[in-house]
């Protein structure tokens, strides 16, 4: 059977440059502030803090930092993209020591604020900003999505699986290429349907797209779509097929439906950034989180996975960590290995 990839993901190039450490009001000639004096604020994207995914995991990491490290933490939700700039300005006006932006959609607003406020430290997830007071927290999402794609390829009964992405861009496309690569390696006869919801906050569209893929034969649907993905899980639950979650272990949403999840440990990255702020070692530049460092992984909940599948996943993880298996993260790398299968 010819492998089919519907609605191919667009690939873009990423320019990543490292920058030197800049000054911060978290530090003084007498040393860093006490943890109890530090204030860290988090700005969500439009998915909101209860999206069961990306934003929620980020906030959980910051909450943990507040409880364990003694810093003051807070968040502001963004209902629309118009909220990004005023939300950031609110934390600046309140003299927050570190402002964390959740997602590439906040890149422009974060860059503008960081340029205007060089003594304030910023961190942003899934975007690179070349400024000395901005730490870019980046993840090898393709490695986690390869693992769940491998699971899907081994588990599907129809040789037909689906993928719903929140938006197509460099970061989100990593999920798609990794998922397709894993599925093909596990099952060369697999068909992968792909749809773009063009939103991280539209569960109705997520549900509609999942239903379309299920109607077209998919018996497993992976979603990388924030709150939109909650609709995907709902559709799979109603249809009696498997869903694959993203960012956090989403098995609790529908235990019998969620096969596994591609975890992106933004909670750990946020916590680590706060710890480095306290230590006075938080620097501008890129911090990359991969499978070897525990930055990405497959979910620990394995109730719906067979022993055989789990053993094969562990082998794949070892190969990725050892460098024997390099997961494609863009169109060029994907086609070099698998050809033009679209």
C-alpha atoms as a PDB file:
ATOM      1  CA  UNK A   1       0.000   0.000   0.000  1.00  0.00           C
ATOM      2  CA  UNK A   2       1.327   3.419  -0.885  1.00  0.00           C
ATOM      3  CA  UNK A   3       1.983   5.447   2.216  1.00  0.00           C
ATOM      4  CA  UNK A   4      -0.180   8.544   2.142  1.00  0.00           C
ATOM      5  CA  UNK A   5       0.313  11.739   4.049  1.00  0.00           C
ATOM      6  CA  UNK A   6      -2.604  14.149   3.707  1.00  0.00           C
ATOM      7  CA  UNK A   7      -2.227  17.897   4.124  1.00  0.00           C
ATOM      8  CA  UNK A   8       1.567  17.841   4.370  1.00  0.00           C
ATOM      9  CA  UNK A   9       3.117  19.993   7.036  1.00  0.00           C
ATOM     10  CA  UNK A  10       5.025  23.048   5.884  1.00  0.00           C
ATOM     11  CA  UNK A  11       8.621  23.273   7.010  1.00  0.00           C
ATOM     12  CA  UNK A  12      10.504  26.455   7.810  1.00  0.00           C
ATOM     13  CA  UNK A  13      14.090  27.092   8.767  1.00  0.00           C
ATOM     14  CA  UNK A  14      15.147  27.964  12.269  1.00  0.00           C
ATOM     15  CA  UNK A  15      17.994  30.306  13.041  1.00  0.00           C
ATOM     16  CA  UNK A  16      19.276  29.706  16.548  1.00  0.00           C
ATOM     17  CA  UNK A  17      21.985  31.927  17.950  1.00  0.00           C
ATOM     18  CA  UNK A  18      23.453  31.887  21.399  1.00  0.00           C
ATOM     19  CA  UNK A  19      23.833  35.108  23.336  1.00  0.00           C
ATOM     20  CA  UNK A  20      25.819  36.129  26.347  1.00  0.00           C
ATOM     21  CA  UNK A  21      24.407  36.583  29.794  1.00  0.00           C
ATOM     22  CA  UNK A  22      22.887  40.001  30.413  1.00  0.00           C
ATOM     23  CA  UNK A  23      22.328  41.923  33.587  1.00  0.00           C
ATOM     24  CA  UNK A  24      19.236  41.341  35.674  1.00  0.00           C
ATOM     25  CA  UNK A  25      17.521  43.039  38.526  1.00  0.00           C
ATOM     26  CA  UNK A  26      17.528  39.613  40.206  1.00  0.00           C
ATOM     27  CA  UNK A  27      21.215  40.267  40.859  1.00  0.00           C
ATOM     28  CA  UNK A  28      23.179  43.033  42.539  1.00  0.00           C
ATOM     29  CA  UNK A  29      26.730  43.704  43.609  1.00  0.00           C
ATOM     30  CA  UNK A  30      25.844  41.962  46.860  1.00  0.00           C
ATOM     31  CA  UNK A  31      24.644  38.829  45.034  1.00  0.00           C
ATOM     32  CA  UNK A  32      21.290  37.432  43.976  1.00  0.00           C
ATOM     33  CA  UNK A  33      18.056  38.254  45.743  1.00  0.00           C
ATOM     34  CA  UNK A  34      16.709  35.875  48.302  1.00  0.00           C
ATOM     35  CA  UNK A  35      14.235  33.426  46.792  1.00  0.00           C
ATOM     36  CA  UNK A  36      11.430  34.823  48.937  1.00  0.00           C
ATOM     37  CA  UNK A  37      11.979  38.235  47.337  1.00  0.00           C
ATOM     38  CA  UNK A  38      11.701  36.968  43.758  1.00  0.00           C
ATOM     39  CA  UNK A  39       8.522  37.262  41.691  1.00  0.00           C
ATOM     40  CA  UNK A  40       7.966  35.133  38.600  1.00  0.00           C
ATOM     41  CA  UNK A  41       5.010  35.600  36.270  1.00  0.00           C
ATOM     42  CA  UNK A  42       3.705  33.363  33.504  1.00  0.00           C
ATOM     43  CA  UNK A  43       1.724  34.523  30.455  1.00  0.00           C
ATOM     44  CA  UNK A  44      -0.418  31.858  28.771  1.00  0.00           C
ATOM     45  CA  UNK A  45      -1.318  31.714  25.132  1.00  0.00           C
ATOM     46  CA  UNK A  46      -4.970  31.646  24.074  1.00  0.00           C
ATOM     47  CA  UNK A  47      -5.436  28.026  25.187  1.00  0.00           C
ATOM     48  CA  UNK A  48      -5.601  29.170  28.805  1.00  0.00           C
ATOM     49  CA  UNK A  49      -4.134  27.752  31.981  1.00  0.00           C
ATOM     50  CA  UNK A  50      -6.604  24.856  32.111  1.00  0.00           C
ATOM     51  CA  UNK A  51      -5.988  23.550  28.590  1.00  0.00           C
ATOM     52  CA  UNK A  52      -4.928  20.159  29.964  1.00  0.00           C
ATOM     53  CA  UNK A  53      -1.769  20.531  27.906  1.00  0.00           C
ATOM     54  CA  UNK A  54       0.947  23.091  27.209  1.00  0.00           C
ATOM     55  CA  UNK A  55      -0.156  26.042  29.338  1.00  0.00           C
ATOM     56  CA  UNK A  56      -1.316  23.898  32.222  1.00  0.00           C
ATOM     57  CA  UNK A  57       1.951  21.990  32.357  1.00  0.00           C
ATOM     58  CA  UNK A  58       3.912  25.258  32.341  1.00  0.00           C
ATOM     59  CA  UNK A  59       1.885  26.619  35.237  1.00  0.00           C
ATOM     60  CA  UNK A  60       2.223  23.355  37.171  1.00  0.00           C
ATOM     61  CA  UNK A  61       5.995  23.675  36.873  1.00  0.00           C
ATOM     62  CA  UNK A  62       5.866  27.243  38.140  1.00  0.00           C
ATOM     63  CA  UNK A  63       3.518  26.302  40.974  1.00  0.00           C
ATOM     64  CA  UNK A  64       5.961  23.604  42.021  1.00  0.00           C
ATOM     65  CA  UNK A  65       8.766  26.148  41.976  1.00  0.00           C
ATOM     66  CA  UNK A  66       6.708  28.403  44.211  1.00  0.00           C
ATOM     67  CA  UNK A  67       6.046  25.624  46.706  1.00  0.00           C
ATOM     68  CA  UNK A  68       9.508  24.080  46.759  1.00  0.00           C
ATOM     69  CA  UNK A  69      11.779  27.063  46.128  1.00  0.00           C
ATOM     70  CA  UNK A  70       9.874  29.741  48.008  1.00  0.00           C
ATOM     71  CA  UNK A  71       9.435  32.257  45.189  1.00  0.00           C
ATOM     72  CA  UNK A  72       6.247  34.233  44.507  1.00  0.00           C
ATOM     73  CA  UNK A  73       4.458  33.024  41.375  1.00  0.00           C
ATOM     74  CA  UNK A  74       1.493  34.237  39.376  1.00  0.00           C
ATOM     75  CA  UNK A  75      -0.057  33.863  35.929  1.00  0.00           C
ATOM     76  CA  UNK A  76      -2.136  35.918  33.519  1.00  0.00           C
ATOM     77  CA  UNK A  77      -4.324  34.286  30.879  1.00  0.00           C
ATOM     78  CA  UNK A  78      -4.532  35.545  27.318  1.00  0.00           C
ATOM     79  CA  UNK A  79      -8.017  35.284  25.838  1.00  0.00           C
ATOM     80  CA  UNK A  80      -6.789  36.600  22.468  1.00  0.00           C
ATOM     81  CA  UNK A  81      -3.445  37.590  21.011  1.00  0.00           C
ATOM     82  CA  UNK A  82      -4.309  41.212  21.844  1.00  0.00           C
ATOM     83  CA  UNK A  83      -3.759  40.308  25.512  1.00  0.00           C
ATOM     84  CA  UNK A  84      -0.106  39.321  25.154  1.00  0.00           C
ATOM     85  CA  UNK A  85       1.403  42.796  25.296  1.00  0.00           C
ATOM     86  CA  UNK A  86      -0.718  44.227  28.145  1.00  0.00           C
ATOM     87  CA  UNK A  87      -0.271  41.059  30.195  1.00  0.00           C
ATOM     88  CA  UNK A  88       3.498  41.301  29.896  1.00  0.00           C
ATOM     89  CA  UNK A  89       3.377  45.018  30.716  1.00  0.00           C
ATOM     90  CA  UNK A  90       1.390  44.255  33.859  1.00  0.00           C
ATOM     91  CA  UNK A  91       4.169  42.062  35.212  1.00  0.00           C
ATOM     92  CA  UNK A  92       6.810  44.629  34.192  1.00  0.00           C
ATOM     93  CA  UNK A  93       4.935  47.390  36.007  1.00  0.00           C
ATOM     94  CA  UNK A  94       4.772  45.164  39.105  1.00  0.00           C
ATOM     95  CA  UNK A  95       8.558  44.629  39.004  1.00  0.00           C
ATOM     96  CA  UNK A  96       8.540  40.883  38.343  1.00  0.00           C
ATOM     97  CA  UNK A  97      12.024  39.408  38.186  1.00  0.00           C
ATOM     98  CA  UNK A  98      11.277  36.809  35.505  1.00  0.00           C
ATOM     99  CA  UNK A  99       8.442  36.773  32.986  1.00  0.00           C
ATOM    100  CA  UNK A 100       7.765  33.477  31.213  1.00  0.00           C
ATOM    101  CA  UNK A 101       5.861  33.474  27.903  1.00  0.00           C
ATOM    102  CA  UNK A 102       4.193  30.205  26.930  1.00  0.00           C
ATOM    103  CA  UNK A 103       4.563  29.533  23.230  1.00  0.00           C
ATOM    104  CA  UNK A 104       5.890  30.989  20.002  1.00  0.00           C
ATOM    105  CA  UNK A 105       2.726  33.061  19.514  1.00  0.00           C
ATOM    106  CA  UNK A 106       4.016  35.422  22.213  1.00  0.00           C
ATOM    107  CA  UNK A 107       7.373  35.901  20.498  1.00  0.00           C
ATOM    108  CA  UNK A 108       6.760  39.361  19.043  1.00  0.00           C
ATOM    109  CA  UNK A 109       5.288  40.794  22.239  1.00  0.00           C
ATOM    110  CA  UNK A 110       8.075  39.244  24.317  1.00  0.00           C
ATOM    111  CA  UNK A 111      10.812  40.543  22.030  1.00  0.00           C
ATOM    112  CA  UNK A 112       9.389  44.064  22.120  1.00  0.00           C
ATOM    113  CA  UNK A 113       9.126  44.035  25.912  1.00  0.00           C
ATOM    114  CA  UNK A 114      12.607  42.577  26.362  1.00  0.00           C
ATOM    115  CA  UNK A 115      14.158  45.227  24.115  1.00  0.00           C
ATOM    116  CA  UNK A 116      12.418  47.992  26.044  1.00  0.00           C
ATOM    117  CA  UNK A 117      13.265  46.522  29.461  1.00  0.00           C
ATOM    118  CA  UNK A 118      16.831  45.178  29.329  1.00  0.00           C
ATOM    119  CA  UNK A 119      17.039  44.834  33.135  1.00  0.00           C
ATOM    120  CA  UNK A 120      14.110  42.413  33.267  1.00  0.00           C
ATOM    121  CA  UNK A 121      14.676  38.721  32.577  1.00  0.00           C
ATOM    122  CA  UNK A 122      12.359  36.871  30.231  1.00  0.00           C
ATOM    123  CA  UNK A 123      11.966  33.231  29.201  1.00  0.00           C
ATOM    124  CA  UNK A 124       9.915  31.948  26.299  1.00  0.00           C
ATOM    125  CA  UNK A 125       8.909  28.426  25.380  1.00  0.00           C
ATOM    126  CA  UNK A 126       9.263  27.245  21.779  1.00  0.00           C
ATOM    127  CA  UNK A 127      10.650  30.455  20.293  1.00  0.00           C
ATOM    128  CA  UNK A 128      14.144  31.844  19.813  1.00  0.00           C
ATOM    129  CA  UNK A 129      14.734  35.491  20.665  1.00  0.00           C
ATOM    130  CA  UNK A 130      18.299  36.733  20.264  1.00  0.00           C
ATOM    131  CA  UNK A 131      18.507  39.120  23.209  1.00  0.00           C
ATOM    132  CA  UNK A 132      20.778  38.880  26.274  1.00  0.00           C
ATOM    133  CA  UNK A 133      17.860  39.021  28.731  1.00  0.00           C
ATOM    134  CA  UNK A 134      15.765  36.300  27.051  1.00  0.00           C
ATOM    135  CA  UNK A 135      16.145  32.565  27.655  1.00  0.00           C
ATOM    136  CA  UNK A 136      14.626  30.420  24.906  1.00  0.00           C
ATOM    137  CA  UNK A 137      13.367  27.049  26.164  1.00  0.00           C
ATOM    138  CA  UNK A 138      13.355  24.693  23.174  1.00  0.00           C
ATOM    139  CA  UNK A 139      12.330  21.036  22.946  1.00  0.00           C
ATOM    140  CA  UNK A 140      13.066  18.099  20.642  1.00  0.00           C
ATOM    141  CA  UNK A 141       9.354  17.490  20.118  1.00  0.00           C
ATOM    142  CA  UNK A 142      10.051  15.213  17.169  1.00  0.00           C
ATOM    143  CA  UNK A 143      11.627  12.641  19.499  1.00  0.00           C
ATOM    144  CA  UNK A 144       8.523  12.314  21.684  1.00  0.00           C
ATOM    145  CA  UNK A 145       6.202  12.286  18.685  1.00  0.00           C
ATOM    146  CA  UNK A 146       8.339   9.595  17.019  1.00  0.00           C
ATOM    147  CA  UNK A 147       7.720   7.361  20.017  1.00  0.00           C
ATOM    148  CA  UNK A 148       3.942   7.829  19.957  1.00  0.00           C
ATOM    149  CA  UNK A 149       3.960   7.407  16.181  1.00  0.00           C
ATOM    150  CA  UNK A 150       5.779   4.127  16.689  1.00  0.00           C
ATOM    151  CA  UNK A 151       3.107   3.110  19.200  1.00  0.00           C
ATOM    152  CA  UNK A 152       0.367   4.044  16.733  1.00  0.00           C
ATOM    153  CA  UNK A 153       2.003   2.122  13.893  1.00  0.00           C
ATOM    154  CA  UNK A 154       2.284  -0.995  16.042  1.00  0.00           C
ATOM    155  CA  UNK A 155      -1.220  -0.707  17.523  1.00  0.00           C
ATOM    156  CA  UNK A 156      -3.451   0.282  14.590  1.00  0.00           C
ATOM    157  CA  UNK A 157      -5.770  -2.424  13.274  1.00  0.00           C
ATOM    158  CA  UNK A 158      -6.823  -0.508  10.167  1.00  0.00           C
ATOM    159  CA  UNK A 159      -3.318   0.641   9.090  1.00  0.00           C
ATOM    160  CA  UNK A 160      -4.838   4.119   9.131  1.00  0.00           C
ATOM    161  CA  UNK A 161      -4.056   6.761  11.753  1.00  0.00           C
ATOM    162  CA  UNK A 162      -4.650  10.483  12.117  1.00  0.00           C
ATOM    163  CA  UNK A 163      -2.983  13.666  13.318  1.00  0.00           C
ATOM    164  CA  UNK A 164      -4.569  17.021  14.193  1.00  0.00           C
ATOM    165  CA  UNK A 165      -2.145  19.920  14.614  1.00  0.00           C
ATOM    166  CA  UNK A 166      -3.040  23.256  16.191  1.00  0.00           C
ATOM    167  CA  UNK A 167      -1.100  25.289  13.641  1.00  0.00           C
ATOM    168  CA  UNK A 168       1.586  24.605  11.063  1.00  0.00           C
ATOM    169  CA  UNK A 169       4.924  26.222  11.806  1.00  0.00           C
ATOM    170  CA  UNK A 170       8.445  25.037  12.486  1.00  0.00           C
ATOM    171  CA  UNK A 171       7.784  23.962  16.068  1.00  0.00           C
ATOM    172  CA  UNK A 172       4.471  22.235  15.453  1.00  0.00           C
ATOM    173  CA  UNK A 173       5.739  20.568  12.284  1.00  0.00           C
ATOM    174  CA  UNK A 174       8.325  18.754  14.390  1.00  0.00           C
ATOM    175  CA  UNK A 175       5.457  16.844  15.975  1.00  0.00           C
ATOM    176  CA  UNK A 176       4.131  15.845  12.566  1.00  0.00           C
ATOM    177  CA  UNK A 177       7.395  14.697  11.020  1.00  0.00           C
ATOM    178  CA  UNK A 178       8.354  12.732  14.113  1.00  0.00           C
ATOM    179  CA  UNK A 179       4.925  11.095  14.296  1.00  0.00           C
ATOM    180  CA  UNK A 180       4.946  10.092  10.640  1.00  0.00           C
ATOM    181  CA  UNK A 181       8.510   8.762  10.873  1.00  0.00           C
ATOM    182  CA  UNK A 182       7.706   6.620  13.892  1.00  0.00           C
ATOM    183  CA  UNK A 183       4.532   5.275  12.330  1.00  0.00           C
ATOM    184  CA  UNK A 184       6.280   4.332   9.079  1.00  0.00           C
ATOM    185  CA  UNK A 185       9.210   2.679  10.859  1.00  0.00           C
ATOM    186  CA  UNK A 186       6.778   0.576  12.868  1.00  0.00           C
ATOM    187  CA  UNK A 187       4.390  -0.145  10.009  1.00  0.00           C
ATOM    188  CA  UNK A 188       5.434   0.583   6.396  1.00  0.00           C
ATOM    189  CA  UNK A 189       1.848   0.087   5.202  1.00  0.00           C
ATOM    190  CA  UNK A 190       0.378   2.790   7.419  1.00  0.00           C
ATOM    191  CA  UNK A 191      -1.655   5.710   6.097  1.00  0.00           C
ATOM    192  CA  UNK A 192      -1.364   8.959   8.054  1.00  0.00           C
ATOM    193  CA  UNK A 193      -4.094  11.576   7.739  1.00  0.00           C
ATOM    194  CA  UNK A 194      -3.115  15.102   8.805  1.00  0.00           C
ATOM    195  CA  UNK A 195      -5.299  18.141   9.411  1.00  0.00           C
ATOM    196  CA  UNK A 196      -4.534  21.673  10.620  1.00  0.00           C
ATOM    197  CA  UNK A 197      -7.071  23.241  13.009  1.00  0.00           C
ATOM    198  CA  UNK A 198      -5.364  26.654  12.802  1.00  0.00           C
ATOM    199  CA  UNK A 199      -6.156  27.224  16.485  1.00  0.00           C
ATOM    200  CA  UNK A 200      -5.021  26.113  19.907  1.00  0.00           C
ATOM    201  CA  UNK A 201      -8.307  27.101  21.550  1.00  0.00           C
ATOM    202  CA  UNK A 202     -11.091  25.595  19.401  1.00  0.00           C
ATOM    203  CA  UNK A 203     -12.157  22.215  20.745  1.00  0.00           C
ATOM    204  CA  UNK A 204     -15.153  22.102  18.374  1.00  0.00           C
ATOM    205  CA  UNK A 205     -12.862  22.242  15.353  1.00  0.00           C
ATOM    206  CA  UNK A 206     -10.590  19.636  16.906  1.00  0.00           C
ATOM    207  CA  UNK A 207     -13.552  17.326  17.379  1.00  0.00           C
ATOM    208  CA  UNK A 208     -14.781  17.897  13.830  1.00  0.00           C
ATOM    209  CA  UNK A 209     -11.381  17.131  12.323  1.00  0.00           C
ATOM    210  CA  UNK A 210     -10.933  14.011  14.405  1.00  0.00           C
ATOM    211  CA  UNK A 211     -14.386  12.821  13.351  1.00  0.00           C
ATOM    212  CA  UNK A 212     -13.442  13.371   9.707  1.00  0.00           C
ATOM    213  CA  UNK A 213     -10.280  11.302  10.092  1.00  0.00           C
ATOM    214  CA  UNK A 214     -12.179   8.574  11.940  1.00  0.00           C
ATOM    215  CA  UNK A 215     -14.804   8.512   9.172  1.00  0.00           C
ATOM    216  CA  UNK A 216     -11.945   8.085   6.707  1.00  0.00           C
ATOM    217  CA  UNK A 217     -10.692   5.017   8.554  1.00  0.00           C
ATOM    218  CA  UNK A 218      -8.369   6.217  11.316  1.00  0.00           C
ATOM    219  CA  UNK A 219      -8.515   4.130  14.470  1.00  0.00           C
ATOM    220  CA  UNK A 220      -5.908   6.236  16.340  1.00  0.00           C
ATOM    221  CA  UNK A 221      -5.680  10.055  16.292  1.00  0.00           C
ATOM    222  CA  UNK A 222      -2.761  12.036  17.715  1.00  0.00           C
ATOM    223  CA  UNK A 223      -3.331  15.678  18.579  1.00  0.00           C
ATOM    224  CA  UNK A 224      -0.777  18.426  19.129  1.00  0.00           C
ATOM    225  CA  UNK A 225      -3.214  21.281  19.463  1.00  0.00           C
ATOM    226  CA  UNK A 226      -3.504  22.587  23.013  1.00  0.00           C
ATOM    227  CA  UNK A 227      -7.113  23.078  24.086  1.00  0.00           C
ATOM    228  CA  UNK A 228      -8.229  22.231  20.537  1.00  0.00           C
ATOM    229  CA  UNK A 229      -6.951  18.738  21.220  1.00  0.00           C
ATOM    230  CA  UNK A 230      -9.524  18.216  23.960  1.00  0.00           C
ATOM    231  CA  UNK A 231     -12.102  18.007  21.187  1.00  0.00           C
ATOM    232  CA  UNK A 232     -10.006  15.358  19.450  1.00  0.00           C
ATOM    233  CA  UNK A 233      -9.984  13.225  22.571  1.00  0.00           C
ATOM    234  CA  UNK A 234     -13.747  13.668  22.957  1.00  0.00           C
ATOM    235  CA  UNK A 235     -14.357  12.555  19.359  1.00  0.00           C
ATOM    236  CA  UNK A 236     -12.186   9.478  19.816  1.00  0.00           C
ATOM    237  CA  UNK A 237     -13.936   8.601  23.056  1.00  0.00           C
ATOM    238  CA  UNK A 238     -17.351   8.799  21.418  1.00  0.00           C
ATOM    239  CA  UNK A 239     -16.193   6.750  18.417  1.00  0.00           C
ATOM    240  CA  UNK A 240     -14.494   4.080  20.493  1.00  0.00           C
ATOM    241  CA  UNK A 241     -11.036   4.599  18.983  1.00  0.00           C
ATOM    242  CA  UNK A 242      -7.750   5.601  20.557  1.00  0.00           C
ATOM    243  CA  UNK A 243      -6.472   9.153  20.991  1.00  0.00           C
ATOM    244  CA  UNK A 244      -2.875  10.157  21.685  1.00  0.00           C
ATOM    245  CA  UNK A 245      -2.300  13.107  23.982  1.00  0.00           C
ATOM    246  CA  UNK A 246       0.397  15.768  23.985  1.00  0.00           C
ATOM    247  CA  UNK A 247       2.647  17.827  26.277  1.00  0.00           C
ATOM    248  CA  UNK A 248       1.471  16.168  29.507  1.00  0.00           C
ATOM    249  CA  UNK A 249       0.165  12.714  30.417  1.00  0.00           C
ATOM    250  CA  UNK A 250      -3.459  13.181  29.304  1.00  0.00           C
ATOM    251  CA  UNK A 251      -4.653   9.704  30.287  1.00  0.00           C
ATOM    252  CA  UNK A 252      -6.717  11.140  33.136  1.00  0.00           C
ATOM    253  CA  UNK A 253      -8.988  12.929  30.639  1.00  0.00           C
ATOM    254  CA  UNK A 254     -10.245   9.636  29.199  1.00  0.00           C
ATOM    255  CA  UNK A 255      -8.384   6.631  30.656  1.00  0.00           C
ATOM    256  CA  UNK A 256      -9.804   4.054  28.246  1.00  0.00           C
ATOM    257  CA  UNK A 257      -9.352   6.298  25.198  1.00  0.00           C
ATOM    258  CA  UNK A 258      -5.919   7.892  25.562  1.00  0.00           C
ATOM    259  CA  UNK A 259      -3.455   5.305  24.292  1.00  0.00           C
ATOM    260  CA  UNK A 260      -0.410   7.313  25.373  1.00  0.00           C
ATOM    261  CA  UNK A 261       0.891  10.892  25.214  1.00  0.00           C
ATOM    262  CA  UNK A 262       3.897  12.647  23.704  1.00  0.00           C
ATOM    263  CA  UNK A 263       5.241  14.473  26.713  1.00  0.00           C
ATOM    264  CA  UNK A 264       7.065  17.750  26.447  1.00  0.00           C
ATOM    265  CA  UNK A 265       8.324  18.523  29.931  1.00  0.00           C
ATOM    266  CA  UNK A 266       7.725  22.247  29.917  1.00  0.00           C
ATOM    267  CA  UNK A 267       7.015  21.944  33.643  1.00  0.00           C
ATOM    268  CA  UNK A 268      10.595  20.826  34.258  1.00  0.00           C
ATOM    269  CA  UNK A 269      11.983  23.530  31.990  1.00  0.00           C
ATOM    270  CA  UNK A 270      10.053  26.245  33.817  1.00  0.00           C
ATOM    271  CA  UNK A 271      11.142  24.902  37.199  1.00  0.00           C
ATOM    272  CA  UNK A 272      14.777  24.775  36.070  1.00  0.00           C
ATOM    273  CA  UNK A 273      14.627  28.367  34.826  1.00  0.00           C
ATOM    274  CA  UNK A 274      13.394  29.517  38.245  1.00  0.00           C
ATOM    275  CA  UNK A 275      16.124  27.551  40.012  1.00  0.00           C
ATOM    276  CA  UNK A 276      18.745  29.186  37.806  1.00  0.00           C
ATOM    277  CA  UNK A 277      17.236  32.601  38.521  1.00  0.00           C
ATOM    278  CA  UNK A 278      17.652  31.947  42.232  1.00  0.00           C
ATOM    279  CA  UNK A 279      21.214  30.718  41.713  1.00  0.00           C
ATOM    280  CA  UNK A 280      22.084  33.725  39.563  1.00  0.00           C
ATOM    281  CA  UNK A 281      22.976  31.500  36.609  1.00  0.00           C
ATOM    282  CA  UNK A 282      20.003  32.122  34.283  1.00  0.00           C
ATOM    283  CA  UNK A 283      21.438  33.314  30.974  1.00  0.00           C
ATOM    284  CA  UNK A 284      20.100  34.538  27.692  1.00  0.00           C
ATOM    285  CA  UNK A 285      20.316  32.138  24.764  1.00  0.00           C
ATOM    286  CA  UNK A 286      18.914  28.732  23.907  1.00  0.00           C
ATOM    287  CA  UNK A 287      18.361  25.876  26.356  1.00  0.00           C
ATOM    288  CA  UNK A 288      17.486  22.663  24.537  1.00  0.00           C
ATOM    289  CA  UNK A 289      15.594  19.778  26.146  1.00  0.00           C
ATOM    290  CA  UNK A 290      15.690  16.314  24.557  1.00  0.00           C
ATOM    291  CA  UNK A 291      14.957  12.687  25.390  1.00  0.00           C
ATOM    292  CA  UNK A 292      18.390  12.091  26.910  1.00  0.00           C
ATOM    293  CA  UNK A 293      17.919  15.010  29.311  1.00  0.00           C
ATOM    294  CA  UNK A 294      14.350  14.058  30.199  1.00  0.00           C
ATOM    295  CA  UNK A 295      12.953  17.068  28.375  1.00  0.00           C
ATOM    296  CA  UNK A 296      10.674  14.940  26.200  1.00  0.00           C
ATOM    297  CA  UNK A 297       9.365  11.414  26.607  1.00  0.00           C
ATOM    298  CA  UNK A 298       6.402   9.112  26.242  1.00  0.00           C
ATOM    299  CA  UNK A 299       3.841   9.217  29.063  1.00  0.00           C
ATOM    300  CA  UNK A 300       4.446   7.033  32.117  1.00  0.00           C
ATOM    301  CA  UNK A 301       0.866   5.732  32.031  1.00  0.00           C
ATOM    302  CA  UNK A 302       0.988   2.510  30.015  1.00  0.00           C
ATOM    303  CA  UNK A 303      -2.304   0.781  30.889  1.00  0.00           C
ATOM    304  CA  UNK A 304      -3.401   0.598  27.237  1.00  0.00           C
ATOM    305  CA  UNK A 305      -0.061  -0.581  25.835  1.00  0.00           C
ATOM    306  CA  UNK A 306       0.940  -4.213  25.374  1.00  0.00           C
ATOM    307  CA  UNK A 307       4.168  -5.614  26.791  1.00  0.00           C
ATOM    308  CA  UNK A 308       5.500  -6.141  23.271  1.00  0.00           C
ATOM    309  CA  UNK A 309       4.884  -2.512  22.319  1.00  0.00           C
ATOM    310  CA  UNK A 310       6.510  -1.253  25.507  1.00  0.00           C
ATOM    311  CA  UNK A 311       9.619  -3.339  24.863  1.00  0.00           C
ATOM    312  CA  UNK A 312       9.934  -1.988  21.323  1.00  0.00           C
ATOM    313  CA  UNK A 313       9.489   1.580  22.557  1.00  0.00           C
ATOM    314  CA  UNK A 314      12.253   1.116  25.105  1.00  0.00           C
ATOM    315  CA  UNK A 315      14.538  -0.113  22.320  1.00  0.00           C
ATOM    316  CA  UNK A 316      13.665   2.929  20.208  1.00  0.00           C
ATOM    317  CA  UNK A 317      14.380   5.260  23.125  1.00  0.00           C
ATOM    318  CA  UNK A 318      17.796   3.688  23.624  1.00  0.00           C
ATOM    319  CA  UNK A 319      18.587   4.114  19.926  1.00  0.00           C
ATOM    320  CA  UNK A 320      17.558   7.789  19.975  1.00  0.00           C
ATOM    321  CA  UNK A 321      19.592   8.541  23.094  1.00  0.00           C
ATOM    322  CA  UNK A 322      22.629   6.714  21.680  1.00  0.00           C
ATOM    323  CA  UNK A 323      22.372   8.657  18.425  1.00  0.00           C
ATOM    324  CA  UNK A 324      21.798   5.522  16.380  1.00  0.00           C
ATOM    325  CA  UNK A 325      18.321   6.773  15.445  1.00  0.00           C
ATOM    326  CA  UNK A 326      18.051  10.392  14.332  1.00  0.00           C
ATOM    327  CA  UNK A 327      14.443  11.546  14.122  1.00  0.00           C
ATOM    328  CA  UNK A 328      13.648  13.955  11.263  1.00  0.00           C
ATOM    329  CA  UNK A 329      12.435  17.367  12.405  1.00  0.00           C
ATOM    330  CA  UNK A 330      11.718  19.039   9.062  1.00  0.00           C
ATOM    331  CA  UNK A 331      10.702  18.243   5.505  1.00  0.00           C
ATOM    332  CA  UNK A 332      14.247  18.005   4.172  1.00  0.00           C
ATOM    333  CA  UNK A 333      15.322  15.484   6.801  1.00  0.00           C
ATOM    334  CA  UNK A 334      12.096  13.526   6.459  1.00  0.00           C
ATOM    335  CA  UNK A 335      12.297  13.210   2.667  1.00  0.00           C
ATOM    336  CA  UNK A 336      15.991  12.314   2.812  1.00  0.00           C
ATOM    337  CA  UNK A 337      15.076   9.217   4.817  1.00  0.00           C
ATOM    338  CA  UNK A 338      11.587   8.338   3.579  1.00  0.00           C
ATOM    339  CA  UNK A 339      11.348  10.006   0.179  1.00  0.00           C
ATOM    340  CA  UNK A 340       8.394  12.005  -1.072  1.00  0.00           C
ATOM    341  CA  UNK A 341       5.528  10.003   0.380  1.00  0.00           C
ATOM    342  CA  UNK A 342       2.977  12.781   0.130  1.00  0.00           C
END
